């Protein structure tokens, strides 16, 4: 089993910054892509940013230029630096990882429990 634990959410004023972190632990041989998703009240979960094991990144148009995703492969962690936050960034943010345990041919998708980010206007 693999556990993903997020930290760093909270309340911030518009224009402020927050940094989210996620640590993966458990039966990990390697981690392929890692990413952050978010779900606002009444909306579907959406991709915010993703990063491959090689460091290639992908961002939602709504956060490109304001958010930066990074990872530490040695520590099995992924972070999301969020700057110039807007009220519309308010959501529960979930960490996601495609983890290969060393058994079978493919990795499995794991999710954290989420951390709430609230941006006040």
Protein backbone atom coordinates (compact mmCIF):
# COMPACT_ATOMS: atom_id res chain seq x y z
CA UNK A 1 0.00 0.00 0.00
CA UNK A 2 0.97 3.59 -0.63
CA UNK A 3 -0.03 6.65 1.34
CA UNK A 4 0.03 10.23 0.13
CA UNK A 5 -0.11 12.93 2.78
CA UNK A 6 -0.63 16.57 1.86
CA UNK A 7 0.21 19.61 3.93
CA UNK A 8 0.32 23.36 3.57
CA UNK A 9 -3.27 24.37 2.91
CA UNK A 10 -4.94 27.23 4.70
CA UNK A 11 -6.51 30.65 4.42
CA UNK A 12 -4.78 33.41 2.48
CA UNK A 13 -5.78 36.77 1.08
CA UNK A 14 -6.00 37.34 -2.65
CA UNK A 15 -2.57 38.06 -4.06
CA UNK A 16 -0.87 35.96 -1.41
CA UNK A 17 1.10 32.74 -1.64
CA UNK A 18 0.91 29.22 -0.27
CA UNK A 19 3.07 26.16 -0.72
CA UNK A 20 1.56 22.70 -0.74
CA UNK A 21 3.61 19.60 -0.11
CA UNK A 22 2.85 15.91 -0.53
CA UNK A 23 4.88 12.98 0.72
CA UNK A 24 4.44 9.45 -0.58
CA UNK A 25 5.31 6.46 1.57
CA UNK A 26 4.78 2.70 1.60
CA UNK A 27 5.46 0.07 -1.04
CA UNK A 28 7.22 2.25 -3.58
CA UNK A 29 9.64 1.00 -6.21
CA UNK A 30 9.32 4.05 -8.43
CA UNK A 31 6.92 6.91 -9.04
CA UNK A 32 6.01 7.98 -12.53
CA UNK A 33 3.92 11.12 -12.81
CA UNK A 34 2.92 13.12 -9.73
CA UNK A 35 0.41 15.90 -9.74
CA UNK A 36 -2.00 18.19 -8.00
CA UNK A 37 -5.72 18.31 -8.67
CA UNK A 38 -8.36 20.50 -7.11
CA UNK A 39 -12.08 20.40 -6.58
CA UNK A 40 -14.12 23.48 -5.82
CA UNK A 41 -17.63 23.22 -4.32
CA UNK A 42 -20.11 22.11 -6.94
CA UNK A 43 -17.42 21.51 -9.55
CA UNK A 44 -15.57 18.52 -10.93
CA UNK A 45 -12.06 17.68 -9.89
CA UNK A 46 -9.57 19.22 -12.31
CA UNK A 47 -5.87 18.91 -13.00
CA UNK A 48 -3.84 21.83 -11.68
CA UNK A 49 -0.31 20.71 -12.48
CA UNK A 50 1.62 17.52 -13.12
CA UNK A 51 5.27 16.54 -13.32
CA UNK A 52 6.97 13.44 -14.69
CA UNK A 53 9.86 11.64 -13.06
CA UNK A 54 12.10 13.36 -15.59
CA UNK A 55 10.84 16.81 -14.61
CA UNK A 56 8.52 17.60 -17.50
CA UNK A 57 5.64 19.74 -16.30
CA UNK A 58 2.10 20.47 -17.38
CA UNK A 59 -0.18 23.20 -16.04
CA UNK A 60 -3.80 24.16 -16.32
CA UNK A 61 -4.19 27.37 -18.29
CA UNK A 62 -5.79 29.03 -15.27
CA UNK A 63 -2.65 28.64 -13.11
CA UNK A 64 0.19 28.80 -15.65
CA UNK A 65 2.61 31.53 -14.67
CA UNK A 66 1.36 31.66 -11.08
CA UNK A 67 1.88 28.10 -9.82
CA UNK A 68 5.05 26.02 -9.94
CA UNK A 69 5.19 22.27 -9.41
CA UNK A 70 8.37 20.52 -8.32
CA UNK A 71 9.38 17.13 -6.97
CA UNK A 72 12.17 15.42 -5.10
CA UNK A 73 12.52 11.92 -6.49
CA UNK A 74 14.84 10.82 -3.70
CA UNK A 75 12.30 11.80 -1.04
CA UNK A 76 9.16 10.86 -3.00
CA UNK A 77 7.70 14.30 -2.52
CA UNK A 78 5.94 16.79 -4.75
CA UNK A 79 5.27 20.44 -4.02
CA UNK A 80 3.11 23.17 -5.47
CA UNK A 81 4.15 26.78 -5.01
CA UNK A 82 1.11 28.97 -5.51
CA UNK A 83 1.62 32.70 -6.01
CA UNK A 84 -0.76 35.53 -6.87
CA UNK A 85 -3.65 33.52 -5.51
CA UNK A 86 -7.17 34.42 -6.55
CA UNK A 87 -10.52 33.68 -4.88
CA UNK A 88 -11.28 31.29 -7.73
CA UNK A 89 -8.33 29.16 -6.62
CA UNK A 90 -10.33 28.21 -3.53
CA UNK A 91 -10.72 24.44 -3.51
CA UNK A 92 -9.63 21.21 -1.90
CA UNK A 93 -6.29 20.30 -3.42
CA UNK A 94 -5.43 16.64 -3.88
CA UNK A 95 -2.06 15.04 -4.44
CA UNK A 96 -1.89 12.25 -7.02
CA UNK A 97 0.85 9.79 -7.88
CA UNK A 98 1.29 6.94 -10.33
CA UNK A 99 3.26 4.47 -8.23
CA UNK A 100 4.97 1.27 -9.32
CA UNK A 101 5.40 -1.16 -6.44
CA UNK A 102 7.73 -3.49 -8.26
CA UNK A 103 5.07 -6.13 -8.78
CA UNK A 104 3.14 -6.59 -11.98
CA UNK A 105 3.61 -4.62 -15.13
CA UNK A 106 1.92 -1.31 -14.37
CA UNK A 107 1.74 1.35 -11.73
CA UNK A 108 -1.31 2.24 -9.70
CA UNK A 109 -2.96 5.57 -9.12
CA UNK A 110 -3.01 6.89 -5.54
CA UNK A 111 -4.65 9.94 -4.02
CA UNK A 112 -4.15 11.95 -0.88
CA UNK A 113 -7.08 12.97 1.30
CA UNK A 114 -6.85 16.58 0.24
CA UNK A 115 -5.99 19.90 1.82
CA UNK A 116 -8.24 22.95 1.77
CA UNK A 117 -7.04 26.19 0.24
CA UNK A 118 -9.24 29.22 0.83
CA UNK A 119 -8.46 32.53 -0.85
CA UNK A 120 -10.35 35.52 0.50
CA UNK A 121 -11.07 38.60 -1.59
